[in-house]
Amino acid sequence: MDHATPPDAVPAPFPRRAAARTGALALAVAALDQVSKAAANAHLSDGSSVPILPGLLDLRLAFNDGAAWSMLAGRRLLLCAVSAAMLALLAANLRQLVETRLSRAAAGLLAGGILGNLADRLRTGLVVDFIDVHRGSWTFPTFNLADSAICIGVGLLLLSSLPCFRTRPSSFSPRS
């Protein structure tokens, strides 16, 4: 038996509460990012390191006028436009993105991270980075909380697209 939705079916109401939670997460991530960057600016000198886990994790103030790994350095308007486009894309797909807790978390983290870095670009043209991970001669590019939120959000979004994560328990229907 086919359980397809009939063409004259009324669409489900927009999930306002789920969307509000996603927006609240995005705003919390952006706010935490901005507070952490202000603290880094206030307490760290440009280029100096403060060991947190010696030989692995330092706090080091750095400024980046590009995207990840300084790609597109000096292209502030393009990066702002891409950020705005990504936020618009998230908003346009909000109904699908708030269907599961995993996809809600992904959307909130992505939007919050994008907002956090966009705020820096709009205010000063430079993104504040301060988390420095390294081991021996290997060094990962310095990053911030917004970057972390974006990476985790992308990972969760990819996970939420897998079939085992797409179906909500409430949408199971018995088969005849």
C-alpha atoms as a PDB file:
ATOM      1  CA  MET A   1       0.000   0.000   0.000  1.00  0.00           C
ATOM      2  CA  ASP A   2       1.307   3.458  -0.905  1.00  0.00           C
ATOM      3  CA  HIS A   3       1.325   5.981   1.957  1.00  0.00           C
ATOM      4  CA  ALA A   4       2.033   9.023  -0.238  1.00  0.00           C
ATOM      5  CA  THR A   5       0.480  12.326   0.769  1.00  0.00           C
ATOM      6  CA  PRO A   6      -2.642  13.068  -1.269  1.00  0.00           C
ATOM      7  CA  PRO A   7      -2.281  16.157  -3.490  1.00  0.00           C
ATOM      8  CA  ASP A   8      -5.162  17.951  -1.752  1.00  0.00           C
ATOM      9  CA  ALA A   9      -3.720  17.441   1.744  1.00  0.00           C
ATOM     10  CA  VAL A  10      -3.364  20.525   3.897  1.00  0.00           C
ATOM     11  CA  PRO A  11       0.308  21.298   4.650  1.00  0.00           C
ATOM     12  CA  ALA A  12       1.398  21.020   8.245  1.00  0.00           C
ATOM     13  CA  PRO A  13       1.469  24.320  10.130  1.00  0.00           C
ATOM     14  CA  PHE A  14       4.802  26.092  10.297  1.00  0.00           C
ATOM     15  CA  PRO A  15       6.693  24.796  13.357  1.00  0.00           C
ATOM     16  CA  ARG A  16       7.036  28.174  15.115  1.00  0.00           C
ATOM     17  CA  ARG A  17       8.323  26.803  18.414  1.00  0.00           C
ATOM     18  CA  ALA A  18      11.049  24.761  16.705  1.00  0.00           C
ATOM     19  CA  ALA A  19      12.016  27.739  14.553  1.00  0.00           C
ATOM     20  CA  ALA A  20      12.157  29.960  17.640  1.00  0.00           C
ATOM     21  CA  ARG A  21      14.470  27.498  19.392  1.00  0.00           C
ATOM     22  CA  THR A  22      16.719  27.399  16.344  1.00  0.00           C
ATOM     23  CA  GLY A  23      16.828  31.206  16.268  1.00  0.00           C
ATOM     24  CA  ALA A  24      17.548  31.358  19.997  1.00  0.00           C
ATOM     25  CA  LEU A  25      20.464  28.958  19.550  1.00  0.00           C
ATOM     26  CA  ALA A  26      21.800  31.063  16.669  1.00  0.00           C
ATOM     27  CA  LEU A  27      21.616  34.256  18.735  1.00  0.00           C
ATOM     28  CA  ALA A  28      23.233  32.559  21.749  1.00  0.00           C
ATOM     29  CA  VAL A  29      26.102  31.234  19.608  1.00  0.00           C
ATOM     30  CA  ALA A  30      26.650  34.655  17.992  1.00  0.00           C
ATOM     31  CA  ALA A  31      26.556  36.397  21.390  1.00  0.00           C
ATOM     32  CA  LEU A  32      28.974  33.914  22.993  1.00  0.00           C
ATOM     33  CA  ASP A  33      31.284  34.301  20.009  1.00  0.00           C
ATOM     34  CA  GLN A  34      31.261  38.094  20.278  1.00  0.00           C
ATOM     35  CA  VAL A  35      31.824  38.042  24.053  1.00  0.00           C
ATOM     36  CA  SER A  36      34.741  35.611  23.670  1.00  0.00           C
ATOM     37  CA  LYS A  37      36.297  37.786  20.952  1.00  0.00           C
ATOM     38  CA  ALA A  38      35.927  40.904  23.107  1.00  0.00           C
ATOM     39  CA  ALA A  39      37.649  39.072  25.967  1.00  0.00           C
ATOM     40  CA  ALA A  40      40.444  37.946  23.638  1.00  0.00           C
ATOM     41  CA  ASN A  41      40.888  41.523  22.407  1.00  0.00           C
ATOM     42  CA  ALA A  42      40.956  42.850  25.963  1.00  0.00           C
ATOM     43  CA  HIS A  43      43.341  40.290  27.471  1.00  0.00           C
ATOM     44  CA  LEU A  44      45.641  39.069  24.698  1.00  0.00           C
ATOM     45  CA  SER A  45      48.337  40.914  22.774  1.00  0.00           C
ATOM     46  CA  ASP A  46      48.463  40.444  19.021  1.00  0.00           C
ATOM     47  CA  GLY A  47      50.740  37.465  18.340  1.00  0.00           C
ATOM     48  CA  SER A  48      51.545  36.505  21.943  1.00  0.00           C
ATOM     49  CA  SER A  49      50.463  33.069  23.209  1.00  0.00           C
ATOM     50  CA  VAL A  50      48.926  32.004  26.504  1.00  0.00           C
ATOM     51  CA  PRO A  51      49.291  28.227  27.004  1.00  0.00           C
ATOM     52  CA  ILE A  52      46.095  26.486  28.123  1.00  0.00           C
ATOM     53  CA  LEU A  53      47.195  22.888  27.476  1.00  0.00           C
ATOM     54  CA  PRO A  54      50.972  23.245  26.925  1.00  0.00           C
ATOM     55  CA  GLY A  55      52.087  21.737  23.646  1.00  0.00           C
ATOM     56  CA  LEU A  56      48.491  21.430  22.378  1.00  0.00           C
ATOM     57  CA  LEU A  57      46.258  24.463  22.963  1.00  0.00           C
ATOM     58  CA  ASP A  58      47.102  28.144  23.328  1.00  0.00           C
ATOM     59  CA  LEU A  59      45.150  31.363  23.238  1.00  0.00           C
ATOM     60  CA  ARG A  60      46.726  33.653  20.638  1.00  0.00           C
ATOM     61  CA  LEU A  61      45.136  36.796  19.256  1.00  0.00           C
ATOM     62  CA  ALA A  62      45.098  36.972  15.468  1.00  0.00           C
ATOM     63  CA  PHE A  63      43.098  38.852  12.867  1.00  0.00           C
ATOM     64  CA  ASN A  64      41.913  37.421   9.566  1.00  0.00           C
ATOM     65  CA  ASP A  65      40.509  39.406   6.657  1.00  0.00           C
ATOM     66  CA  GLY A  66      39.642  36.242   4.726  1.00  0.00           C
ATOM     67  CA  ALA A  67      37.626  33.088   5.232  1.00  0.00           C
ATOM     68  CA  ALA A  68      38.944  29.736   6.486  1.00  0.00           C
ATOM     69  CA  TRP A  69      42.740  29.520   6.242  1.00  0.00           C
ATOM     70  CA  SER A  70      42.744  33.126   4.961  1.00  0.00           C
ATOM     71  CA  MET A  71      41.119  32.156   1.657  1.00  0.00           C
ATOM     72  CA  LEU A  72      39.706  35.163  -0.183  1.00  0.00           C
ATOM     73  CA  ALA A  73      41.781  37.520   1.957  1.00  0.00           C
ATOM     74  CA  GLY A  74      40.943  41.136   1.265  1.00  0.00           C
ATOM     75  CA  ARG A  75      37.552  40.279  -0.282  1.00  0.00           C
ATOM     76  CA  ARG A  76      35.415  41.740   2.518  1.00  0.00           C
ATOM     77  CA  LEU A  77      32.363  42.598   0.392  1.00  0.00           C
ATOM     78  CA  LEU A  78      32.316  39.160  -1.233  1.00  0.00           C
ATOM     79  CA  LEU A  79      32.602  37.419   2.142  1.00  0.00           C
ATOM     80  CA  CYS A  80      29.811  39.571   3.586  1.00  0.00           C
ATOM     81  CA  ALA A  81      27.628  38.791   0.551  1.00  0.00           C
ATOM     82  CA  VAL A  82      28.308  35.051   0.849  1.00  0.00           C
ATOM     83  CA  SER A  83      27.485  35.194   4.575  1.00  0.00           C
ATOM     84  CA  ALA A  84      24.229  37.034   3.881  1.00  0.00           C
ATOM     85  CA  ALA A  85      23.360  34.551   1.127  1.00  0.00           C
ATOM     86  CA  MET A  86      24.002  31.607   3.457  1.00  0.00           C
ATOM     87  CA  LEU A  87      21.779  33.141   6.135  1.00  0.00           C
ATOM     88  CA  ALA A  88      19.058  33.699   3.515  1.00  0.00           C
ATOM     89  CA  LEU A  89      19.419  30.095   2.336  1.00  0.00           C
ATOM     90  CA  LEU A  90      19.064  28.838   5.913  1.00  0.00           C
ATOM     91  CA  ALA A  91      15.983  31.031   6.418  1.00  0.00           C
ATOM     92  CA  ALA A  92      14.430  29.901   3.124  1.00  0.00           C
ATOM     93  CA  ASN A  93      14.848  26.262   4.141  1.00  0.00           C
ATOM     94  CA  LEU A  94      13.859  26.740   7.763  1.00  0.00           C
ATOM     95  CA  ARG A  95      10.777  24.498   7.569  1.00  0.00           C
ATOM     96  CA  GLN A  96      12.927  21.523   6.545  1.00  0.00           C
ATOM     97  CA  LEU A  97      15.774  22.438   8.865  1.00  0.00           C
ATOM     98  CA  VAL A  98      13.639  22.413  12.006  1.00  0.00           C
ATOM     99  CA  GLU A  99      12.096  18.973  11.416  1.00  0.00           C
ATOM    100  CA  THR A 100      14.470  17.142  13.778  1.00  0.00           C
ATOM    101  CA  ARG A 101      16.493  18.155  16.808  1.00  0.00           C
ATOM    102  CA  LEU A 102      19.694  17.335  14.953  1.00  0.00           C
ATOM    103  CA  SER A 103      18.874  19.545  11.986  1.00  0.00           C
ATOM    104  CA  ARG A 104      17.657  22.323  14.337  1.00  0.00           C
ATOM    105  CA  ALA A 105      20.975  22.222  16.167  1.00  0.00           C
ATOM    106  CA  ALA A 106      22.831  22.251  12.840  1.00  0.00           C
ATOM    107  CA  ALA A 107      20.890  25.261  11.569  1.00  0.00           C
ATOM    108  CA  GLY A 108      21.291  27.169  14.847  1.00  0.00           C
ATOM    109  CA  LEU A 109      25.027  26.541  15.008  1.00  0.00           C
ATOM    110  CA  LEU A 110      25.525  27.462  11.353  1.00  0.00           C
ATOM    111  CA  ALA A 111      23.486  30.652  11.586  1.00  0.00           C
ATOM    112  CA  GLY A 112      25.119  31.680  14.872  1.00  0.00           C
ATOM    113  CA  GLY A 113      28.621  31.093  13.550  1.00  0.00           C
ATOM    114  CA  ILE A 114      27.907  32.948  10.334  1.00  0.00           C
ATOM    115  CA  LEU A 115      26.404  35.861  12.289  1.00  0.00           C
ATOM    116  CA  GLY A 116      29.384  35.999  14.652  1.00  0.00           C
ATOM    117  CA  ASN A 117      31.974  36.259  11.888  1.00  0.00           C
ATOM    118  CA  LEU A 118      29.749  38.547   9.792  1.00  0.00           C
ATOM    119  CA  ALA A 119      29.503  40.957  12.730  1.00  0.00           C
ATOM    120  CA  ASP A 120      33.319  41.182  12.815  1.00  0.00           C
ATOM    121  CA  ARG A 121      33.555  41.748   9.061  1.00  0.00           C
ATOM    122  CA  LEU A 122      30.917  44.467   9.118  1.00  0.00           C
ATOM    123  CA  ARG A 123      32.390  46.210  12.175  1.00  0.00           C
ATOM    124  CA  THR A 124      36.129  46.140  11.408  1.00  0.00           C
ATOM    125  CA  GLY A 125      36.715  44.142   8.239  1.00  0.00           C
ATOM    126  CA  LEU A 126      38.702  41.593  10.253  1.00  0.00           C
ATOM    127  CA  VAL A 127      37.595  38.405  12.000  1.00  0.00           C
ATOM    128  CA  VAL A 128      39.090  37.937  15.462  1.00  0.00           C
ATOM    129  CA  ASP A 129      40.677  34.505  15.972  1.00  0.00           C
ATOM    130  CA  PHE A 130      42.213  33.302  19.227  1.00  0.00           C
ATOM    131  CA  ILE A 131      42.140  29.500  19.561  1.00  0.00           C
ATOM    132  CA  ASP A 132      45.482  27.999  18.530  1.00  0.00           C
ATOM    133  CA  VAL A 133      45.795  24.201  18.320  1.00  0.00           C
ATOM    134  CA  HIS A 134      49.232  22.723  17.649  1.00  0.00           C
ATOM    135  CA  ARG A 135      51.416  19.681  18.265  1.00  0.00           C
ATOM    136  CA  GLY A 136      55.167  19.833  17.726  1.00  0.00           C
ATOM    137  CA  SER A 137      55.814  21.573  14.409  1.00  0.00           C
ATOM    138  CA  TRP A 138      52.217  20.998  13.234  1.00  0.00           C
ATOM    139  CA  THR A 139      49.904  23.996  13.669  1.00  0.00           C
ATOM    140  CA  PHE A 140      46.225  24.238  12.825  1.00  0.00           C
ATOM    141  CA  PRO A 141      45.086  27.686  11.636  1.00  0.00           C
ATOM    142  CA  THR A 142      43.980  29.892  14.531  1.00  0.00           C
ATOM    143  CA  PHE A 143      40.177  30.015  14.812  1.00  0.00           C
ATOM    144  CA  ASN A 144      37.315  31.225  17.016  1.00  0.00           C
ATOM    145  CA  LEU A 145      34.019  29.972  18.484  1.00  0.00           C
ATOM    146  CA  ALA A 146      32.040  31.006  15.389  1.00  0.00           C
ATOM    147  CA  ASP A 147      34.331  28.874  13.213  1.00  0.00           C
ATOM    148  CA  SER A 148      33.805  25.939  15.580  1.00  0.00           C
ATOM    149  CA  ALA A 149      30.030  26.396  15.485  1.00  0.00           C
ATOM    150  CA  ILE A 150      30.064  26.467  11.677  1.00  0.00           C
ATOM    151  CA  CYS A 151      32.154  23.284  11.442  1.00  0.00           C
ATOM    152  CA  ILE A 152      30.035  21.426  13.989  1.00  0.00           C
ATOM    153  CA  GLY A 153      26.874  22.706  12.288  1.00  0.00           C
ATOM    154  CA  VAL A 154      28.031  21.412   8.896  1.00  0.00           C
ATOM    155  CA  GLY A 155      28.843  18.035  10.447  1.00  0.00           C
ATOM    156  CA  LEU A 156      25.429  17.819  12.111  1.00  0.00           C
ATOM    157  CA  LEU A 157      23.721  18.892   8.891  1.00  0.00           C
ATOM    158  CA  LEU A 158      25.495  16.120   7.009  1.00  0.00           C
ATOM    159  CA  LEU A 159      24.495  13.614   9.698  1.00  0.00           C
ATOM    160  CA  SER A 160      20.898  14.810   9.623  1.00  0.00           C
ATOM    161  CA  SER A 161      20.766  14.124   5.882  1.00  0.00           C
ATOM    162  CA  LEU A 162      21.490  10.429   6.398  1.00  0.00           C
ATOM    163  CA  PRO A 163      18.385   8.231   6.110  1.00  0.00           C
ATOM    164  CA  CYS A 164      18.741   6.940   9.664  1.00  0.00           C
ATOM    165  CA  PHE A 165      18.449  10.512  11.008  1.00  0.00           C
ATOM    166  CA  ARG A 166      15.812  11.897   8.625  1.00  0.00           C
ATOM    167  CA  THR A 167      12.684  10.153   9.863  1.00  0.00           C
ATOM    168  CA  ARG A 168      11.079  11.519  12.980  1.00  0.00           C
ATOM    169  CA  PRO A 169       9.578   8.903  15.303  1.00  0.00           C
ATOM    170  CA  SER A 170       6.197  10.658  15.118  1.00  0.00           C
ATOM    171  CA  SER A 171       6.089  10.266  11.330  1.00  0.00           C
ATOM    172  CA  PHE A 172       6.284   6.452  11.332  1.00  0.00           C
ATOM    173  CA  SER A 173       3.134   4.863  10.068  1.00  0.00           C
ATOM    174  CA  PRO A 174       2.216   1.205  10.301  1.00  0.00           C
ATOM    175  CA  ARG A 175       2.285  -0.626   6.987  1.00  0.00           C
ATOM    176  CA  SER A 176      -0.604  -2.847   6.006  1.00  0.00           C
END
